[in-house]
N, C-alpha and C. Protein backbone atom coordinates (compact mmCIF):
# COMPACT_ATOMS: atom_id res chain seq x y z
N MET A 1 0.73 -1.10 0.39
CA MET A 1 0.14 0.09 -0.10
C MET A 1 0.85 0.96 0.07
N SER A 2 0.39 2.29 -0.74
CA SER A 2 1.27 3.51 -0.74
C SER A 2 0.78 4.13 0.55
N ASN A 3 2.04 4.97 0.55
CA ASN A 3 1.97 5.84 1.88
C ASN A 3 1.90 7.37 1.31
N LEU A 4 0.76 7.96 0.86
CA LEU A 4 1.02 9.26 0.50
C LEU A 4 0.87 10.22 1.17
N ARG A 5 1.73 11.13 1.22
CA ARG A 5 2.09 12.34 1.96
C ARG A 5 2.18 13.88 1.50
N ALA A 6 1.81 14.93 2.10
CA ALA A 6 1.79 16.34 1.33
C ALA A 6 2.79 17.18 2.04
N PHE A 7 3.52 17.52 1.77
CA PHE A 7 4.63 18.51 2.45
C PHE A 7 4.25 20.09 1.92
N THR A 8 4.25 20.84 2.44
CA THR A 8 3.79 22.39 2.20
C THR A 8 5.08 23.37 2.75
N LYS A 9 5.89 24.32 1.90
CA LYS A 9 6.47 25.04 2.36
C LYS A 9 6.28 26.82 1.36
N HIS A 10 6.73 27.69 2.27
CA HIS A 10 6.26 28.99 1.73
C HIS A 10 7.46 29.72 1.43
N LEU A 11 8.01 29.93 0.36
CA LEU A 11 8.84 30.58 -0.19
C LEU A 11 9.07 32.14 -0.65
N VAL A 12 9.50 32.99 0.10
CA VAL A 12 9.19 35.00 0.43
C VAL A 12 10.55 35.32 -0.23
N LEU A 13 9.46 36.24 -1.26
CA LEU A 13 10.96 37.12 -2.11
C LEU A 13 10.39 38.58 -2.43
N ASP A 14 11.39 39.22 -2.06
CA ASP A 14 11.38 40.71 -2.46
C ASP A 14 11.92 41.21 -3.97
N THR A 15 11.09 41.65 -4.33
CA THR A 15 11.43 41.87 -6.04
C THR A 15 11.90 43.60 -6.26
N GLY A 16 13.14 44.13 -6.97
CA GLY A 16 13.66 45.09 -7.41
C GLY A 16 13.12 45.76 -8.10
N MET A 17 12.36 45.19 -9.11
CA MET A 17 11.97 46.04 -10.58
C MET A 17 10.40 45.75 -10.95
N ARG A 18 9.82 46.48 -11.60
CA ARG A 18 8.47 46.46 -12.39
C ARG A 18 8.25 45.06 -12.70
N ARG A 19 9.06 44.47 -13.36
CA ARG A 19 9.01 43.37 -14.22
C ARG A 19 10.24 42.50 -14.20
N GLU A 20 10.32 41.12 -13.70
CA GLU A 20 11.94 40.84 -13.47
C GLU A 20 11.67 38.98 -13.72
N LEU A 21 12.71 38.21 -13.71
CA LEU A 21 12.64 36.98 -13.58
C LEU A 21 13.21 36.49 -12.26
N ILE A 22 12.92 35.77 -11.43
CA ILE A 22 14.23 35.23 -10.65
C ILE A 22 13.85 33.94 -10.29
N ASN A 23 15.12 33.33 -10.59
CA ASN A 23 15.19 31.90 -10.66
C ASN A 23 15.08 31.16 -8.77
N ILE A 24 13.91 30.48 -8.83
CA ILE A 24 13.67 30.08 -7.72
C ILE A 24 14.11 28.41 -7.43
N THR A 25 14.59 27.75 -8.67
CA THR A 25 14.81 26.38 -8.52
C THR A 25 15.48 25.81 -7.12
N LYS A 26 16.53 26.48 -7.04
CA LYS A 26 17.17 25.91 -5.98
C LYS A 26 16.31 25.90 -4.17
N GLY A 27 15.20 27.11 -4.61
CA GLY A 27 14.43 26.80 -3.14
C GLY A 27 13.29 25.96 -3.43
N VAL A 28 13.19 25.50 -4.38
CA VAL A 28 11.57 24.67 -4.89
C VAL A 28 12.52 23.14 -4.49
N GLN A 29 13.83 23.11 -4.71
CA GLN A 29 14.73 22.07 -4.92
C GLN A 29 15.06 21.36 -3.43
N GLY A 30 15.16 22.78 -2.68
CA GLY A 30 15.18 22.23 -1.03
C GLY A 30 13.75 21.90 -0.33
N ALA A 31 12.63 22.40 -0.90
CA ALA A 31 11.87 22.39 -0.50
C ALA A 31 11.05 20.67 -0.56
N VAL A 32 11.62 20.34 -1.63
CA VAL A 32 11.31 18.84 -2.04
C VAL A 32 12.40 18.06 -1.39
N THR A 33 13.74 18.35 -1.09
CA THR A 33 14.51 17.34 0.07
C THR A 33 13.96 17.44 1.11
N GLU A 34 13.77 18.55 1.45
CA GLU A 34 13.13 18.88 2.99
C GLU A 34 11.72 17.74 3.19
N SER A 35 11.14 17.97 2.29
CA SER A 35 9.89 17.01 2.46
C SER A 35 10.05 15.38 2.71
N GLY A 36 11.14 14.82 2.15
CA GLY A 36 11.77 13.66 2.21
C GLY A 36 10.78 12.71 1.27
N ILE A 37 9.94 13.21 0.27
CA ILE A 37 9.10 12.30 -0.49
C ILE A 37 10.32 12.51 -1.81
N THR A 38 10.35 11.11 -2.46
CA THR A 38 10.58 10.76 -3.58
C THR A 38 10.52 10.25 -4.58
N ALA A 39 8.82 10.45 -4.78
CA ALA A 39 8.40 10.26 -6.12
C ALA A 39 6.88 10.93 -5.70
N GLY A 40 6.88 11.73 -6.67
CA GLY A 40 5.20 12.02 -6.49
C GLY A 40 5.25 13.33 -7.38
N LEU A 41 4.38 14.44 -7.04
CA LEU A 41 4.43 15.77 -8.03
C LEU A 41 4.73 16.99 -6.84
N CYS A 42 5.38 17.85 -7.40
CA CYS A 42 6.00 19.36 -7.15
C CYS A 42 4.76 20.45 -7.39
N VAL A 43 4.00 21.02 -6.87
CA VAL A 43 3.08 22.30 -7.62
C VAL A 43 3.75 23.86 -6.80
N VAL A 44 4.26 24.33 -7.80
CA VAL A 44 4.88 25.69 -7.74
C VAL A 44 3.87 26.95 -7.94
N PHE A 45 3.07 27.39 -7.01
CA PHE A 45 2.06 28.44 -6.69
C PHE A 45 2.21 29.94 -6.45
N THR A 46 2.23 31.01 -6.90
CA THR A 46 2.47 32.01 -6.64
C THR A 46 1.26 32.69 -6.05
N THR A 47 0.89 33.24 -5.04
CA THR A 47 -0.13 33.69 -4.53
C THR A 47 -0.63 35.26 -4.50
N HIS A 48 0.04 35.58 -5.98
CA HIS A 48 -0.45 37.04 -5.94
C HIS A 48 -0.80 37.14 -7.81
N SER A 49 -1.90 37.71 -8.06
CA SER A 49 -2.40 37.66 -9.16
C SER A 49 -1.49 38.50 -10.36
N THR A 50 -0.45 39.40 -9.75
CA THR A 50 0.38 40.27 -10.81
C THR A 50 1.47 39.46 -10.82
N SER A 51 1.70 38.05 -11.05
CA SER A 51 2.67 37.20 -11.01
C SER A 51 2.64 36.10 -11.75
N ALA A 52 3.78 35.30 -11.93
CA ALA A 52 3.42 34.20 -12.76
C ALA A 52 4.68 33.46 -12.21
N ILE A 53 4.43 31.84 -12.10
CA ILE A 53 5.61 30.87 -12.62
C ILE A 53 5.99 30.25 -14.04
N ILE A 54 7.12 30.00 -14.32
CA ILE A 54 7.14 29.73 -15.30
C ILE A 54 8.62 28.67 -15.22
N VAL A 55 8.60 27.87 -16.51
CA VAL A 55 9.73 26.99 -16.42
C VAL A 55 10.51 26.95 -17.75
N ASN A 56 11.71 27.54 -17.75
CA ASN A 56 12.33 27.80 -19.01
C ASN A 56 14.04 27.86 -18.61
N GLU A 57 14.51 28.60 -19.49
CA GLU A 57 16.04 28.10 -19.53
C GLU A 57 16.79 29.41 -18.89
N ASP A 58 17.54 29.42 -18.02
CA ASP A 58 18.11 30.73 -17.20
C ASP A 58 19.19 31.08 -18.02
N GLU A 59 18.89 31.67 -19.46
CA GLU A 59 20.01 32.28 -20.03
C GLU A 59 19.60 33.83 -20.15
N LEU A 60 20.55 34.70 -20.16
CA LEU A 60 20.20 36.10 -20.00
C LEU A 60 19.57 36.62 -21.14
N GLY A 61 20.19 36.45 -22.05
CA GLY A 61 19.55 36.56 -23.52
C GLY A 61 17.98 36.19 -23.83
N LEU A 62 17.52 35.33 -22.92
CA LEU A 62 16.11 34.55 -23.21
C LEU A 62 15.18 35.20 -22.06
N LYS A 63 16.08 35.57 -21.12
CA LYS A 63 15.48 35.95 -19.91
C LYS A 63 14.67 37.77 -20.28
N SER A 64 15.83 38.15 -21.06
CA SER A 64 15.49 39.60 -21.59
C SER A 64 14.24 39.48 -22.49
N ASP A 65 14.59 38.46 -23.48
CA ASP A 65 13.52 38.45 -24.30
C ASP A 65 12.02 38.30 -23.68
N ILE A 66 11.98 37.29 -22.87
CA ILE A 66 10.75 36.80 -21.89
C ILE A 66 10.04 38.21 -21.47
N LEU A 67 10.86 38.77 -20.68
CA LEU A 67 10.28 40.31 -20.13
C LEU A 67 9.76 41.36 -21.10
N ARG A 68 10.97 41.50 -22.57
CA ARG A 68 10.30 42.27 -23.52
C ARG A 68 8.66 41.65 -24.10
N LYS A 69 8.74 40.73 -24.43
CA LYS A 69 7.76 39.70 -25.27
C LYS A 69 6.58 40.20 -24.20
N THR A 70 6.70 39.94 -22.89
CA THR A 70 5.64 40.19 -21.69
C THR A 70 5.30 41.69 -22.05
N ALA A 71 6.36 42.62 -21.77
CA ALA A 71 5.84 43.98 -21.77
C ALA A 71 4.78 44.53 -23.35
N GLU A 72 5.52 44.07 -24.37
CA GLU A 72 5.20 44.03 -25.85
C GLU A 72 3.35 43.60 -25.92
N ASP A 73 3.09 42.33 -25.15
CA ASP A 73 2.23 41.59 -25.46
C ASP A 73 0.97 42.35 -24.52
N PHE A 74 1.59 42.97 -23.42
CA PHE A 74 0.81 43.87 -22.10
C PHE A 74 1.28 44.96 -21.74
N PRO A 75 1.42 45.98 -22.76
CA PRO A 75 1.79 46.93 -22.23
C PRO A 75 0.98 47.96 -21.37
N GLY A 76 1.78 48.70 -20.31
CA GLY A 76 1.47 49.18 -19.41
C GLY A 76 0.24 50.67 -19.59
N ASP A 77 1.03 51.01 -20.64
CA ASP A 77 0.28 52.65 -21.12
C ASP A 77 -0.64 52.43 -21.85
N ARG A 78 -1.65 51.28 -21.85
CA ARG A 78 -2.79 51.01 -22.83
C ARG A 78 -3.85 51.52 -21.81
N ALA A 79 -5.41 51.99 -22.27
CA ALA A 79 -6.38 52.18 -21.26
C ALA A 79 -7.31 50.94 -20.95
N TRP A 80 -6.47 50.29 -20.36
CA TRP A 80 -6.98 49.21 -19.73
C TRP A 80 -7.86 49.58 -18.68
N SER A 81 -9.15 48.59 -18.65
CA SER A 81 -10.47 49.21 -17.86
C SER A 81 -10.11 49.36 -16.46
N HIS A 82 -9.12 48.39 -15.74
CA HIS A 82 -9.01 48.04 -14.68
C HIS A 82 -8.28 49.33 -13.88
N ASN A 83 -7.39 50.12 -14.97
CA ASN A 83 -6.65 51.12 -14.53
C ASN A 83 -7.44 52.16 -13.91
N ARG A 84 -8.36 52.17 -13.79
CA ARG A 84 -9.27 52.93 -13.52
C ARG A 84 -9.07 53.19 -11.69
N ILE A 85 -9.24 51.84 -11.48
CA ILE A 85 -9.12 51.77 -9.77
C ILE A 85 -7.71 51.54 -9.28
N ASP A 86 -6.64 50.71 -10.37
CA ASP A 86 -5.31 50.40 -9.81
C ASP A 86 -4.55 50.48 -11.09
N ASP A 87 -3.27 50.80 -11.39
CA ASP A 87 -2.63 51.35 -12.33
C ASP A 87 -1.80 50.15 -12.50
N ASN A 88 -2.56 48.75 -12.62
CA ASN A 88 -1.53 47.60 -13.17
C ASN A 88 -2.45 46.45 -13.90
N ALA A 89 -2.94 47.01 -14.44
CA ALA A 89 -3.80 45.97 -15.31
C ALA A 89 -3.27 45.18 -16.44
N ASP A 90 -2.03 45.63 -16.73
CA ASP A 90 -1.02 45.23 -17.56
C ASP A 90 -0.84 43.84 -16.78
N ALA A 91 -0.04 44.01 -15.71
CA ALA A 91 0.45 42.97 -14.89
C ALA A 91 -1.04 41.97 -14.39
N HIS A 92 -1.66 42.44 -14.40
CA HIS A 92 -2.99 41.31 -13.78
C HIS A 92 -3.24 40.54 -14.82
N LEU A 93 -3.30 41.01 -16.23
CA LEU A 93 -3.19 40.36 -17.37
C LEU A 93 -2.22 39.35 -17.63
N ALA A 94 -1.25 39.92 -17.57
CA ALA A 94 -0.08 39.02 -18.21
C ALA A 94 -0.01 38.03 -17.08
N GLY A 95 -0.24 37.78 -15.94
CA GLY A 95 0.09 36.74 -14.68
C GLY A 95 -1.33 36.09 -15.06
N THR A 96 -2.41 36.40 -15.76
CA THR A 96 -3.81 35.54 -16.37
C THR A 96 -3.01 34.73 -17.76
N TYR A 97 -2.45 35.60 -18.33
CA TYR A 97 -2.29 34.35 -19.35
C TYR A 97 -0.92 33.20 -19.00
N LEU A 98 -0.20 34.00 -18.27
CA LEU A 98 1.18 32.97 -18.13
C LEU A 98 0.91 32.13 -17.03
N GLY A 99 0.04 32.32 -16.44
CA GLY A 99 -0.45 31.26 -15.15
C GLY A 99 0.37 31.44 -13.83
N PRO A 100 -0.17 31.06 -12.61
CA PRO A 100 0.08 31.08 -11.71
C PRO A 100 1.07 29.83 -10.85
N SER A 101 0.85 29.02 -11.71
CA SER A 101 1.67 27.46 -11.01
C SER A 101 2.53 26.75 -12.36
N ALA A 102 2.95 25.81 -12.00
CA ALA A 102 4.06 25.10 -12.64
C ALA A 102 4.05 23.54 -11.83
N THR A 103 3.51 22.64 -12.28
CA THR A 103 3.61 21.33 -11.77
C THR A 103 4.98 20.63 -12.37
N ILE A 104 5.98 20.07 -11.51
CA ILE A 104 7.06 19.49 -11.75
C ILE A 104 7.15 17.90 -11.22
N PRO A 105 7.20 16.79 -12.08
CA PRO A 105 7.49 15.43 -11.52
C PRO A 105 8.73 15.62 -10.57
N VAL A 106 8.50 14.28 -9.48
CA VAL A 106 9.62 14.26 -8.47
C VAL A 106 9.86 12.82 -8.25
N VAL A 107 11.17 12.61 -8.88
CA VAL A 107 11.79 11.40 -9.29
C VAL A 107 13.13 11.01 -8.19
N ASP A 108 13.11 10.01 -7.30
CA ASP A 108 14.47 9.72 -6.65
C ASP A 108 14.20 11.00 -5.85
N GLY A 109 13.70 11.85 -5.42
CA GLY A 109 13.86 12.93 -4.53
C GLY A 109 14.29 14.11 -5.24
N ARG A 110 13.93 14.30 -6.35
CA ARG A 110 14.51 15.56 -7.40
C ARG A 110 13.52 15.96 -8.36
N LEU A 111 13.37 17.01 -8.78
CA LEU A 111 12.58 17.86 -9.95
C LEU A 111 13.28 17.58 -10.79
N THR A 112 12.14 16.89 -11.76
CA THR A 112 12.67 16.06 -13.19
C THR A 112 12.63 17.29 -14.05
N LEU A 113 13.55 18.26 -13.73
CA LEU A 113 13.85 19.42 -14.86
C LEU A 113 14.34 18.88 -15.94
N GLY A 114 14.32 19.33 -17.07
CA GLY A 114 15.37 19.16 -18.40
C GLY A 114 16.63 19.92 -18.16
N THR A 115 17.30 19.74 -18.56
CA THR A 115 19.05 20.00 -18.69
C THR A 115 19.05 21.54 -18.45
N TRP A 116 18.16 22.22 -19.10
CA TRP A 116 18.22 23.89 -19.51
C TRP A 116 17.20 24.40 -18.96
N GLN A 117 16.29 23.58 -18.33
CA GLN A 117 14.93 23.98 -17.29
C GLN A 117 15.18 24.88 -15.78
N SER A 118 14.68 25.87 -15.53
CA SER A 118 14.65 26.43 -14.28
C SER A 118 13.21 26.67 -13.95
N ILE A 119 13.04 27.10 -12.69
CA ILE A 119 11.35 27.39 -12.38
C ILE A 119 12.02 28.79 -11.99
N PHE A 120 11.17 29.80 -12.51
CA PHE A 120 11.11 31.15 -12.27
C PHE A 120 10.00 31.40 -11.60
N PHE A 121 10.05 32.74 -10.81
CA PHE A 121 9.02 33.47 -10.53
C PHE A 121 9.24 34.86 -11.38
N LEU A 122 7.97 35.09 -12.00
CA LEU A 122 7.85 36.38 -12.87
C LEU A 122 7.19 37.24 -12.04
N GLU A 123 8.10 38.56 -11.55
CA GLU A 123 7.18 39.50 -11.20
C GLU A 123 6.85 40.48 -12.43
N LEU A 124 5.30 40.77 -12.29
CA LEU A 124 5.03 41.70 -13.14
C LEU A 124 4.25 43.23 -12.73
N ASP A 125 4.88 43.01 -11.43
CA ASP A 125 3.71 44.65 -11.00
C ASP A 125 5.14 45.14 -9.35
N GLY A 126 6.28 45.07 -9.81
CA GLY A 126 7.32 45.44 -8.75
C GLY A 126 7.41 46.75 -8.75
N PRO A 127 8.50 47.24 -8.03
CA PRO A 127 8.88 46.23 -6.70
C PRO A 127 7.75 46.27 -5.62
N ARG A 128 8.11 44.77 -5.29
CA ARG A 128 7.37 44.45 -3.97
C ARG A 128 7.93 43.39 -3.07
N SER A 129 7.54 43.35 -1.88
CA SER A 129 8.30 43.05 -0.73
C SER A 129 7.47 41.93 -0.38
N GLY A 130 8.00 40.90 0.19
CA GLY A 130 7.09 39.65 0.79
C GLY A 130 6.17 38.92 -0.24
N ARG A 131 6.90 38.79 -1.16
CA ARG A 131 5.94 37.95 -2.35
C ARG A 131 6.14 36.46 -1.88
N ARG A 132 4.82 35.89 -1.96
CA ARG A 132 4.65 34.51 -1.59
C ARG A 132 4.84 33.08 -2.58
N ILE A 133 5.29 32.38 -2.32
CA ILE A 133 5.14 31.12 -3.12
C ILE A 133 4.90 30.05 -2.64
N VAL A 134 3.91 29.19 -2.94
CA VAL A 134 3.73 28.19 -1.95
C VAL A 134 4.17 26.92 -2.83
N VAL A 135 5.05 26.01 -2.20
CA VAL A 135 5.54 24.69 -2.88
C VAL A 135 4.75 23.72 -2.23
N GLN A 136 4.30 22.84 -2.74
CA GLN A 136 3.58 21.68 -2.14
C GLN A 136 4.00 20.46 -2.74
N VAL A 137 4.92 19.45 -2.10
CA VAL A 137 5.20 18.24 -2.61
C VAL A 137 4.28 17.35 -2.26
N MET A 138 3.61 16.34 -2.99
CA MET A 138 3.02 15.08 -2.88
C MET A 138 3.56 14.09 -3.54
N GLY A 139 3.11 12.63 -2.44
CA GLY A 139 3.73 11.69 -3.18
C GLY A 139 4.18 10.78 -1.99
N ASP A 140 5.35 9.92 -2.17
CA ASP A 140 5.60 9.29 -1.13
C ASP A 140 7.17 8.65 -1.48
């Protein structure tokens, strides 16, 4: 019989720019290791609607391209309706389309990321302090 367990850890970040990518792979793997779970799934979830979680390569040019493309697709200077109450509709829209979470399989106690894959917190409405990311590891 399987002994399914769940382990939850919160990562907290401070961001320094309006839009930025922060590599959180080490913190997420640390949570997986701390959980003691060797086979299962790891869910990484941002609790903020003006941010996203993505998986991609940690290469300077690509990170710049991701930030540029996000700004092009969701410009801050457009007459978004939400800007009437809070001047950050672009961040909410980008977060909606990019998504608040990623799920990564855990095998032998390790995230099964590809050779060039890293997990990123994408800040879309910074700078902010106390950005919370929930890491939940489930399995046995």
